[in-house]
Protein backbone atom coordinates (compact mmCIF):
# COMPACT_ATOMS: atom_id res chain seq x y z
CA MET A 1 -91.32 -145.95 16.13
CA LYS A 2 -89.92 -149.38 15.28
CA ARG A 3 -91.52 -152.11 17.40
CA PHE A 4 -90.15 -155.52 18.34
CA TYR A 5 -91.22 -158.53 20.40
CA THR A 6 -89.31 -160.43 23.05
CA ASN A 7 -90.13 -162.15 26.32
CA ASN A 8 -86.42 -162.52 27.12
CA ILE A 9 -85.99 -159.57 29.47
CA GLN A 10 -83.35 -159.71 32.19
CA GLY A 11 -83.25 -156.74 34.53
CA ASN A 12 -83.28 -153.67 32.31
CA ILE A 13 -81.98 -155.47 29.21
CA ALA A 14 -84.25 -156.96 26.53
CA PHE A 15 -82.74 -159.49 24.15
CA LEU A 16 -83.94 -159.89 20.58
CA GLU A 17 -83.08 -163.30 19.16
CA ASN A 18 -83.20 -165.17 15.88
CA GLU A 19 -85.80 -163.73 13.46
CA GLU A 20 -86.56 -160.64 15.54
CA ALA A 21 -82.84 -159.84 15.82
CA LEU A 22 -82.33 -160.45 12.09
CA HIS A 23 -85.33 -158.24 11.28
CA CYS A 24 -83.88 -155.50 13.46
CA SER A 25 -80.27 -155.65 12.26
CA LYS A 26 -80.59 -156.62 8.59
CA VAL A 27 -84.09 -155.73 7.39
CA LEU A 28 -84.74 -152.49 9.27
CA ARG A 29 -81.00 -151.69 9.55
CA CYS A 30 -81.29 -150.40 13.10
CA ARG A 31 -78.21 -148.88 14.72
CA ILE A 32 -76.84 -148.61 18.24
CA ASN A 33 -78.63 -145.83 20.22
CA ASP A 34 -81.78 -146.06 18.07
CA LYS A 35 -84.94 -145.67 20.14
CA VAL A 36 -87.42 -148.55 19.78
CA GLU A 37 -90.53 -150.05 21.36
CA ILE A 38 -90.75 -153.54 22.84
CA LEU A 39 -93.80 -155.80 23.26
CA ASN A 40 -93.45 -158.63 25.76
CA GLY A 41 -96.68 -160.35 24.64
CA ASN A 42 -98.03 -160.31 28.17
CA GLY A 43 -99.50 -156.83 28.47
CA ALA A 44 -96.56 -154.43 28.45
CA LEU A 45 -95.29 -151.96 25.86
CA LEU A 46 -91.81 -150.71 26.76
CA SER A 47 -89.52 -148.03 25.41
CA GLY A 48 -85.86 -148.82 24.88
CA GLN A 49 -82.58 -147.90 23.24
CA ILE A 50 -80.44 -150.34 21.26
CA SER A 51 -77.17 -150.97 23.09
CA ASN A 52 -75.62 -153.86 21.13
CA ILE A 53 -76.22 -155.38 17.70
CA GLN A 54 -75.17 -158.78 16.43
CA LYS A 55 -76.70 -160.64 13.49
CA LEU A 56 -78.84 -162.93 15.69
CA ASP A 57 -78.55 -161.14 19.02
CA VAL A 58 -79.65 -157.58 19.66
CA GLN A 59 -79.63 -156.04 23.13
CA ILE A 60 -81.94 -153.20 24.09
CA THR A 61 -81.68 -151.15 27.26
CA ILE A 62 -85.14 -150.55 28.67
CA ILE A 63 -85.83 -146.88 29.31
CA GLY A 64 -89.38 -147.02 30.61
CA LYS A 65 -92.88 -148.41 30.36
CA ILE A 66 -95.17 -146.80 27.79
CA LYS A 67 -98.33 -148.63 28.86
CA GLU A 68 -99.51 -151.89 30.42
CA GLN A 69 -102.70 -153.95 30.47
CA ILE A 70 -103.20 -156.30 33.42
CA GLU A 71 -105.41 -158.68 31.43
CA ASN A 72 -106.91 -159.11 27.98
CA ALA A 73 -110.26 -157.31 28.18
CA ASN A 74 -111.67 -159.33 25.28
CA ARG A 75 -111.97 -162.59 27.22
CA ILE A 76 -112.67 -164.98 24.38
CA SER A 77 -110.96 -168.18 23.24
CA ILE A 78 -111.60 -169.95 19.95
CA GLY A 79 -111.40 -173.66 19.18
CA ILE A 80 -111.28 -173.82 15.40
CA CYS A 81 -111.03 -176.80 13.07
CA LEU A 82 -108.21 -176.85 10.55
CA THR A 83 -109.00 -176.05 6.93
CA LYS A 84 -107.80 -177.92 3.86
CA ASN A 85 -105.99 -174.77 2.74
CA PRO A 86 -103.68 -173.70 5.61
CA ALA A 87 -103.69 -170.10 4.35
CA ARG A 88 -107.28 -169.77 5.56
CA ILE A 89 -106.37 -170.64 9.16
CA GLU A 90 -103.35 -168.38 8.92
CA TRP A 91 -105.67 -165.54 7.89
CA PHE A 92 -107.93 -166.29 10.87
CA VAL A 93 -104.99 -166.28 13.29
CA GLU A 94 -103.81 -162.92 11.95
CA LYS A 95 -107.24 -161.27 12.24
CA ALA A 96 -108.07 -162.84 15.61
CA THR A 97 -104.78 -161.51 16.98
CA GLU A 98 -105.54 -158.02 15.67
CA ILE A 99 -108.99 -158.10 17.30
CA GLY A 100 -107.53 -159.47 20.53
CA ILE A 101 -108.37 -162.90 21.98
CA VAL A 102 -106.96 -165.02 24.79
CA SER A 103 -106.37 -168.46 23.24
CA ILE A 104 -106.50 -170.34 19.95
CA PHE A 105 -107.05 -174.11 19.93
CA PRO A 106 -106.44 -175.73 16.50
CA LEU A 107 -108.79 -178.73 16.33
CA VAL A 108 -109.25 -181.85 14.21
CA SER A 109 -112.82 -183.11 13.97
CA GLU A 110 -114.30 -186.07 12.12
CA ARG A 111 -114.76 -184.08 8.90
CA THR A 112 -111.45 -182.23 9.11
CA GLU A 113 -109.34 -183.16 6.10
CA LYS A 114 -106.03 -181.64 7.23
CA GLN A 115 -104.61 -183.21 10.38
CA ASN A 116 -101.84 -180.77 11.29
CA ILE A 117 -100.47 -177.31 10.71
CA LYS A 118 -97.14 -175.56 11.22
CA LEU A 119 -97.51 -174.03 14.68
CA GLU A 120 -94.21 -172.15 14.42
CA ARG A 121 -95.50 -170.33 11.35
CA LEU A 122 -98.76 -169.49 13.15
CA GLN A 123 -96.79 -168.17 16.13
CA ASN A 124 -94.79 -165.90 13.83
CA ILE A 125 -98.05 -164.63 12.34
CA ILE A 126 -99.30 -163.85 15.85
CA ILE A 127 -96.16 -161.86 16.63
CA SER A 128 -96.32 -159.91 13.37
CA ALA A 129 -100.04 -159.15 13.72
CA ALA A 130 -99.66 -158.03 17.34
CA LYS A 131 -96.77 -155.71 16.50
CA GLN A 132 -98.73 -154.20 13.61
CA SER A 133 -101.98 -153.76 15.56
CA GLY A 134 -100.50 -152.82 18.93
CA GLN A 135 -102.17 -155.66 20.80
CA LEU A 136 -100.38 -155.98 24.15
CA HIS A 137 -101.60 -159.50 24.95
CA PHE A 138 -100.70 -162.19 22.44
CA PRO A 139 -103.13 -165.11 22.18
CA THR A 140 -101.84 -168.41 23.50
CA LEU A 141 -101.51 -170.86 20.61
CA HIS A 142 -102.17 -174.42 21.78
CA THR A 143 -101.01 -177.60 20.10
CA THR A 144 -103.33 -179.27 17.61
CA GLN A 145 -105.64 -181.87 19.12
CA SER A 146 -108.75 -183.81 18.26
CA LEU A 147 -112.12 -182.31 19.05
CA LYS A 148 -113.05 -185.32 21.18
CA SER A 149 -109.86 -184.95 23.24
CA PHE A 150 -110.51 -181.25 23.64
CA LEU A 151 -114.04 -181.88 24.90
CA GLN A 152 -112.71 -184.30 27.51
CA GLU A 153 -110.51 -181.62 29.04
CA THR A 154 -111.77 -179.48 31.92
CA TYR A 155 -111.38 -175.86 30.87
CA GLN A 156 -112.66 -173.24 33.25
CA TYR A 157 -114.86 -171.11 31.03
CA GLU A 158 -117.90 -169.24 32.31
CA GLN A 159 -119.56 -169.54 28.89
CA LYS A 160 -119.17 -172.31 26.32
CA PHE A 161 -120.61 -172.15 22.79
CA ILE A 162 -120.56 -174.30 19.68
CA ALA A 163 -121.36 -172.73 16.32
CA HIS A 164 -122.91 -175.12 13.79
CA CYS A 165 -125.43 -175.26 10.94
CA GLU A 166 -127.89 -177.79 12.37
CA ASP A 167 -131.41 -176.90 13.57
CA GLU A 168 -132.58 -173.66 15.17
CA LYS A 169 -130.13 -171.88 17.46
CA GLN A 170 -129.87 -168.60 19.32
CA GLN A 171 -127.74 -165.79 18.00
CA LEU A 172 -124.39 -165.42 19.79
CA LYS A 173 -124.99 -161.69 20.19
CA ASN A 174 -128.19 -162.42 22.15
CA VAL A 175 -126.79 -164.98 24.61
CA TYR A 176 -123.20 -163.90 25.27
CA GLN A 177 -122.85 -162.28 28.69
CA ARG A 178 -120.60 -159.29 28.65
CA ASP A 179 -117.21 -159.40 30.40
CA LYS A 180 -117.36 -163.14 31.14
CA ASN A 181 -114.75 -165.42 29.66
CA ALA A 182 -115.96 -167.66 26.85
CA ILE A 183 -114.88 -170.42 24.49
CA ILE A 184 -116.45 -170.80 21.04
CA LEU A 185 -116.02 -173.88 18.87
CA ILE A 186 -115.93 -173.40 15.09
CA GLY A 187 -116.49 -176.45 12.90
CA PRO A 188 -114.73 -177.69 9.75
CA GLU A 189 -115.73 -177.49 6.12
CA GLY A 190 -118.87 -179.61 6.12
CA ASP A 191 -119.71 -178.69 9.74
CA PHE A 192 -119.55 -180.77 12.92
CA THR A 193 -121.28 -184.16 12.87
CA LYS A 194 -124.49 -184.68 14.83
CA GLU A 195 -122.55 -186.87 17.26
CA GLU A 196 -119.93 -184.17 17.86
CA ILE A 197 -122.63 -181.58 18.48
CA ALA A 198 -124.38 -183.93 20.92
CA ILE A 199 -121.13 -184.56 22.83
CA ALA A 200 -120.47 -180.82 23.07
CA ILE A 201 -123.99 -180.11 24.31
CA ASN A 202 -123.55 -182.85 26.90
CA LYS A 203 -120.45 -180.93 28.03
CA ASN A 204 -122.59 -177.81 28.52
CA TYR A 205 -121.78 -176.11 25.22
CA MET A 206 -124.65 -173.95 24.01
CA PRO A 207 -125.45 -174.19 20.26
CA ILE A 208 -125.28 -170.76 18.65
CA SER A 209 -125.54 -169.05 15.28
CA LEU A 210 -123.27 -166.31 13.99
CA GLY A 211 -125.82 -164.93 11.54
CA ASN A 212 -128.02 -165.89 8.62
CA SER A 213 -125.23 -166.75 6.16
CA ILE A 214 -123.29 -170.00 5.89
CA LEU A 215 -119.75 -168.85 6.58
CA ARG A 216 -116.34 -170.27 5.75
CA VAL A 217 -114.47 -171.68 8.74
CA GLU A 218 -112.06 -168.75 9.02
CA THR A 219 -114.83 -166.18 8.45
CA ALA A 220 -116.93 -167.75 11.20
CA GLY A 221 -113.97 -167.57 13.57
CA VAL A 222 -113.38 -163.90 12.87
CA MET A 223 -117.11 -163.15 13.06
CA ALA A 224 -117.27 -164.72 16.53
CA CYS A 225 -114.32 -162.63 17.69
CA ALA A 226 -115.83 -159.47 16.22
CA ILE A 227 -119.25 -160.04 17.85
CA ILE A 228 -117.70 -160.47 21.30
CA ASN A 229 -115.35 -157.54 20.79
CA SER A 230 -118.26 -155.33 19.78
CA ILE A 231 -120.29 -156.29 22.85
CA ASN A 232 -117.41 -155.82 25.28
CA ASN A 233 -116.48 -152.43 23.82
CA ASP A 234 -120.00 -151.07 23.40
């Protein structure tokens, strides 16, 4: 079944716009009366039937609800520093979406070489990955900010971790408490500075390790997601 995303749903009509509409009408060559599935990105998978097709505007009549999740069971958010090669962060965003996480915070730390990234492209990757994997909750993609600014914010997480390469640390799998929401900070190429680690610890972030290997930024991010997912689904 062909699957699309939209959060523009009015009554029993879902509206595909822009790229999603173009993908439906021109790439997949859908026709009026075709049956399709709709993700709203907020927990619902709906069934529908195409009722009107324009190049950049497709209307779908909602037939019913296939399934719904009240909340994302994998209650993890990741703050991850940008990589010099944007393709690496794009890969992380794709895999993290497939695994299923709540939020992604792109961060710029002292050793981060790249200062920005195309958020619209990342959002499109999230949509594509969610449609492919069937994830009902899309992660919230936050705007890029500095690590120091992020640490000054008051985020209500029951567990806060920072993964880094300094000193002895406990393994994430041994300290994460199942079914509690958590935020994990992943450092840049070259790791967090000692000062950044100290500031995070002062903000009640627990230093953790993701294993015995020194991982790339994007690999560390996916590893953190996978560890939490494995614990919560054990």
